């Protein structure tokens, strides 16, 4: 029924994606299962965005790691050449996940309670900050004001406002408005299902994921390891820590 409403245009793309996130077990109440949205735009240089030009958008049919030929070749080679002498870890394209507690906290670091969460994650060294290949559409308007204790980087460099693209006209609210407009435009509506297949659908796992260059480390997937039958306490702790700290693939819907 949800798909029918979506196809008829009776709900927005944003509403449809929120419903999918909910069905997949994602929630704003859990930083490890935070809702994920597609990275829509590819143009961050123009003074004005042309939402009728396909070049304005990134390829929604491919993961962020496969957006360029060089990166695509790199990850295909990693998968093809993968060898695990212990035979415990299957081949994968990506060893980092697109959403984790640290990624969420770092994107929203300028707004409480994410500031304190970010600091706790850093101080306790729960997880490392990683370069990711796919990030959710964050509400960056809250990141502009520096009303918290994070005023500089570890090297002493002052932490200024988020640098916005020219088409945002220096206004974070315009930045959000344009992203929301882009999410609902005709081009995205025509291709959104391709991204959904990668994140929530049939290209998330199995042969279709391999073909789409969309395979992550096996511990990112729900049900891939039985932690209750791990006999080594150190291995059990490490496995649980990996799952908790580095993110999880949404449930397949």
Protein backbone atom coordinates (compact mmCIF):
# COMPACT_ATOMS: atom_id res chain seq x y z
CA UNK A 1 0.00 0.00 0.00
CA UNK A 2 2.89 2.35 0.81
CA UNK A 3 4.40 1.73 -2.64
CA UNK A 4 1.05 2.43 -4.26
CA UNK A 5 0.77 5.80 -2.51
CA UNK A 6 4.35 6.58 -3.57
CA UNK A 7 3.76 5.69 -7.22
CA UNK A 8 0.59 7.78 -7.29
CA UNK A 9 2.46 10.76 -5.87
CA UNK A 10 0.20 10.84 -2.83
CA UNK A 11 3.16 11.01 -0.44
CA UNK A 12 6.45 12.86 -0.82
CA UNK A 13 9.78 11.18 -1.43
CA UNK A 14 10.82 12.28 2.04
CA UNK A 15 7.78 10.64 3.63
CA UNK A 16 8.33 7.45 1.65
CA UNK A 17 11.97 7.24 2.73
CA UNK A 18 11.03 7.83 6.36
CA UNK A 19 8.50 4.98 6.17
CA UNK A 20 11.16 2.70 4.68
CA UNK A 21 13.61 3.64 7.42
CA UNK A 22 11.01 2.83 10.06
CA UNK A 23 10.22 -0.54 8.47
CA UNK A 24 13.96 -1.26 8.35
CA UNK A 25 14.36 -0.60 12.07
CA UNK A 26 15.99 2.84 11.81
CA UNK A 27 15.15 5.45 14.42
CA UNK A 28 16.23 8.90 15.59
CA UNK A 29 16.36 7.37 19.08
CA UNK A 30 19.30 5.11 18.22
CA UNK A 31 22.51 6.58 16.83
CA UNK A 32 23.54 3.12 15.68
CA UNK A 33 20.34 2.81 13.64
CA UNK A 34 19.88 6.44 12.57
CA UNK A 35 17.69 7.00 9.46
CA UNK A 36 19.62 7.05 6.19
CA UNK A 37 18.88 9.19 3.17
CA UNK A 38 20.50 9.36 -0.26
CA UNK A 39 23.30 11.76 -1.09
CA UNK A 40 21.45 13.50 -3.93
CA UNK A 41 23.53 16.31 -5.40
CA UNK A 42 26.81 16.28 -7.31
CA UNK A 43 27.05 20.03 -8.01
CA UNK A 44 28.51 22.08 -5.16
CA UNK A 45 30.17 24.74 -7.32
CA UNK A 46 27.44 26.48 -9.33
CA UNK A 47 25.86 29.77 -8.30
CA UNK A 48 22.45 28.33 -9.17
CA UNK A 49 21.30 24.73 -9.27
CA UNK A 50 19.56 23.41 -12.36
CA UNK A 51 17.29 20.65 -11.12
CA UNK A 52 16.39 19.75 -14.70
CA UNK A 53 20.00 18.85 -15.57
CA UNK A 54 20.95 15.21 -14.83
CA UNK A 55 24.56 16.30 -14.25
CA UNK A 56 23.39 18.15 -11.14
CA UNK A 57 22.78 14.81 -9.45
CA UNK A 58 24.94 11.86 -8.50
CA UNK A 59 24.23 8.44 -9.96
CA UNK A 60 21.60 6.94 -7.66
CA UNK A 61 22.01 3.50 -9.24
CA UNK A 62 25.54 3.16 -7.87
CA UNK A 63 26.94 3.27 -4.32
CA UNK A 64 29.02 6.31 -3.44
CA UNK A 65 32.13 4.14 -3.69
CA UNK A 66 31.38 3.44 -7.34
CA UNK A 67 30.69 6.97 -8.55
CA UNK A 68 33.96 7.28 -10.45
CA UNK A 69 35.74 4.76 -12.66
CA UNK A 70 38.90 4.85 -10.53
CA UNK A 71 37.05 4.11 -7.30
CA UNK A 72 34.92 1.50 -9.01
CA UNK A 73 38.01 -0.33 -10.24
CA UNK A 74 39.62 -0.07 -6.81
CA UNK A 75 36.74 -1.72 -4.99
CA UNK A 76 36.20 -4.37 -7.64
CA UNK A 77 39.87 -5.32 -7.31
CA UNK A 78 39.59 -5.48 -3.52
CA UNK A 79 36.67 -7.89 -3.79
CA UNK A 80 38.31 -10.01 -6.49
CA UNK A 81 41.68 -10.26 -4.72
CA UNK A 82 40.29 -10.77 -1.21
CA UNK A 83 41.86 -13.58 0.76
CA UNK A 84 41.23 -14.45 4.39
CA UNK A 85 43.70 -17.08 5.65
CA UNK A 86 41.33 -17.94 8.50
CA UNK A 87 38.35 -18.33 6.19
CA UNK A 88 36.15 -16.28 8.54
CA UNK A 89 35.60 -13.09 6.58
CA UNK A 90 33.96 -13.26 3.13
CA UNK A 91 35.06 -10.90 0.37
CA UNK A 92 33.70 -7.36 0.51
CA UNK A 93 34.01 -4.04 -1.30
CA UNK A 94 33.73 -1.68 1.68
CA UNK A 95 35.21 -2.06 5.14
CA UNK A 96 33.55 1.08 6.51
CA UNK A 97 29.86 1.73 6.80
CA UNK A 98 27.85 4.76 5.68
CA UNK A 99 26.14 5.35 9.04
CA UNK A 100 27.37 4.87 12.59
CA UNK A 101 27.09 6.61 15.94
CA UNK A 102 30.32 8.50 15.30
CA UNK A 103 29.27 9.66 11.85
CA UNK A 104 25.92 10.90 13.16
CA UNK A 105 27.53 12.67 16.10
CA UNK A 106 30.24 14.28 13.96
CA UNK A 107 27.73 15.60 11.42
CA UNK A 108 25.55 17.11 14.16
CA UNK A 109 28.41 18.03 16.49
CA UNK A 110 27.32 21.68 16.75
CA UNK A 111 23.97 20.77 18.34
CA UNK A 112 23.38 19.23 21.74
CA UNK A 113 23.16 16.47 22.79
CA UNK A 114 25.37 15.45 19.85
CA UNK A 115 28.23 17.66 21.07
CA UNK A 116 28.56 15.73 24.31
CA UNK A 117 27.99 12.41 22.56
CA UNK A 118 30.77 13.26 20.12
CA UNK A 119 33.12 14.18 22.96
CA UNK A 120 32.36 10.99 24.86
CA UNK A 121 32.96 8.89 21.79
CA UNK A 122 36.27 10.64 21.23
CA UNK A 123 37.51 10.59 24.81
CA UNK A 124 36.60 6.96 25.41
CA UNK A 125 37.92 6.03 21.98
CA UNK A 126 34.94 3.86 21.18
CA UNK A 127 35.36 4.21 17.45
CA UNK A 128 37.49 6.01 14.89
CA UNK A 129 36.38 8.78 12.58
CA UNK A 130 36.33 7.23 9.13
CA UNK A 131 36.00 8.44 5.57
CA UNK A 132 32.65 7.20 4.33
CA UNK A 133 31.32 6.60 0.85
CA UNK A 134 27.71 7.31 1.50
CA UNK A 135 26.21 9.64 4.09
CA UNK A 136 22.68 10.58 4.97
CA UNK A 137 21.21 14.00 4.17
CA UNK A 138 22.00 15.69 7.50
CA UNK A 139 20.09 18.67 8.83
CA UNK A 140 23.09 20.97 8.48
CA UNK A 141 21.16 24.07 9.53
CA UNK A 142 21.90 23.11 13.12
CA UNK A 143 25.62 22.92 12.48
CA UNK A 144 26.14 26.59 11.70
CA UNK A 145 25.98 28.08 15.19
CA UNK A 146 28.93 27.29 17.42
CA UNK A 147 27.14 27.50 20.72
CA UNK A 148 29.14 24.74 22.38
CA UNK A 149 32.55 23.82 23.72
CA UNK A 150 33.97 22.63 20.42
CA UNK A 151 35.62 25.80 19.14
CA UNK A 152 38.83 24.42 17.64
CA UNK A 153 40.38 21.27 16.29
CA UNK A 154 42.97 19.22 18.15
CA UNK A 155 45.76 21.03 16.28
CA UNK A 156 44.46 24.40 17.47
CA UNK A 157 42.82 25.42 14.20
CA UNK A 158 39.67 27.44 14.88
CA UNK A 159 36.50 25.59 13.97
CA UNK A 160 34.46 28.04 11.92
CA UNK A 161 31.03 27.79 10.35
CA UNK A 162 30.23 25.08 7.85
CA UNK A 163 31.29 26.19 4.37
CA UNK A 164 28.21 26.21 2.17
CA UNK A 165 28.15 25.86 -1.65
CA UNK A 166 27.58 29.05 -3.71
CA UNK A 167 23.96 28.17 -4.52
CA UNK A 168 23.10 28.25 -0.79
CA UNK A 169 23.78 32.02 -0.77
CA UNK A 170 25.41 31.79 2.64
CA UNK A 171 22.12 30.77 4.27
CA UNK A 172 21.91 27.34 5.96
CA UNK A 173 18.13 27.37 5.64
CA UNK A 174 18.48 27.84 1.89
CA UNK A 175 20.90 24.92 1.88
CA UNK A 176 18.25 22.71 3.48
CA UNK A 177 15.44 24.11 1.30
CA UNK A 178 17.32 23.36 -1.92
CA UNK A 179 18.12 19.83 -0.76
CA UNK A 180 14.48 19.20 0.06
CA UNK A 181 13.45 20.62 -3.32
CA UNK A 182 16.02 18.42 -5.05
CA UNK A 183 14.79 15.35 -3.19
CA UNK A 184 11.28 15.92 -4.54
CA UNK A 185 12.23 16.89 -8.12
CA UNK A 186 11.30 14.83 -11.18
CA UNK A 187 14.79 13.43 -11.77
CA UNK A 188 15.12 12.06 -8.25
CA UNK A 189 11.56 10.71 -8.27
CA UNK A 190 12.40 8.81 -11.45
CA UNK A 191 15.59 7.28 -10.02
CA UNK A 192 14.99 7.02 -6.28
CA UNK A 193 14.00 3.36 -6.55
CA UNK A 194 17.55 2.57 -7.74
CA UNK A 195 19.02 3.89 -4.48
CA UNK A 196 16.33 2.10 -2.46
CA UNK A 197 17.32 -1.19 -4.12
CA UNK A 198 20.91 -0.67 -2.89
CA UNK A 199 20.09 0.32 0.68
CA UNK A 200 16.84 -1.46 1.54
CA UNK A 201 16.15 -3.81 -1.37
CA UNK A 202 17.40 -6.74 -3.39
CA UNK A 203 20.81 -5.22 -4.24
CA UNK A 204 21.66 -5.00 -0.55
CA UNK A 205 22.90 -8.59 -0.29
CA UNK A 206 23.75 -11.65 -2.36
CA UNK A 207 24.76 -11.88 -6.05
CA UNK A 208 22.87 -8.67 -6.90
CA UNK A 209 24.98 -6.77 -4.34
CA UNK A 210 28.18 -8.19 -5.82
CA UNK A 211 27.09 -7.13 -9.31
CA UNK A 212 26.24 -3.64 -8.03
CA UNK A 213 29.59 -3.32 -6.18
CA UNK A 214 27.62 -2.94 -2.98
CA UNK A 215 29.03 -5.55 -0.58
CA UNK A 216 30.09 -4.45 2.91
CA UNK A 217 32.01 -6.27 5.65
CA UNK A 218 29.84 -9.20 6.72
CA UNK A 219 29.54 -8.01 10.32
CA UNK A 220 27.56 -4.98 9.12
CA UNK A 221 24.70 -7.30 8.15
CA UNK A 222 22.11 -8.45 10.63
CA UNK A 223 22.24 -12.14 11.49
CA UNK A 224 25.62 -12.82 9.87
CA UNK A 225 27.26 -13.97 13.10
CA UNK A 226 25.95 -15.87 16.12
CA UNK A 227 27.64 -14.07 19.01
CA UNK A 228 26.16 -16.51 21.52
CA UNK A 229 28.20 -19.35 20.06
CA UNK A 230 31.57 -17.58 20.04
CA UNK A 231 33.75 -19.46 22.51
CA UNK A 232 36.63 -16.99 22.66
CA UNK A 233 35.73 -14.13 25.09
CA UNK A 234 38.13 -11.71 23.38
CA UNK A 235 36.72 -12.49 19.96
CA UNK A 236 33.18 -12.15 21.28
CA UNK A 237 33.94 -8.72 22.78
CA UNK A 238 35.66 -7.58 19.59
CA UNK A 239 32.77 -8.76 17.42
CA UNK A 240 30.14 -7.04 19.55
CA UNK A 241 32.23 -3.87 19.63
CA UNK A 242 32.63 -3.91 15.86
CA UNK A 243 28.89 -4.28 15.31
CA UNK A 244 27.99 -1.61 17.88
CA UNK A 245 30.57 0.94 16.84
CA UNK A 246 30.92 0.75 13.09
CA UNK A 247 27.31 0.70 11.94
CA UNK A 248 24.73 -1.74 10.66
CA UNK A 249 23.03 -2.30 7.31
CA UNK A 250 19.28 -1.57 7.49
CA UNK A 251 16.95 -4.55 7.57
CA UNK A 252 16.02 -5.67 4.09
CA UNK A 253 12.43 -4.68 3.27
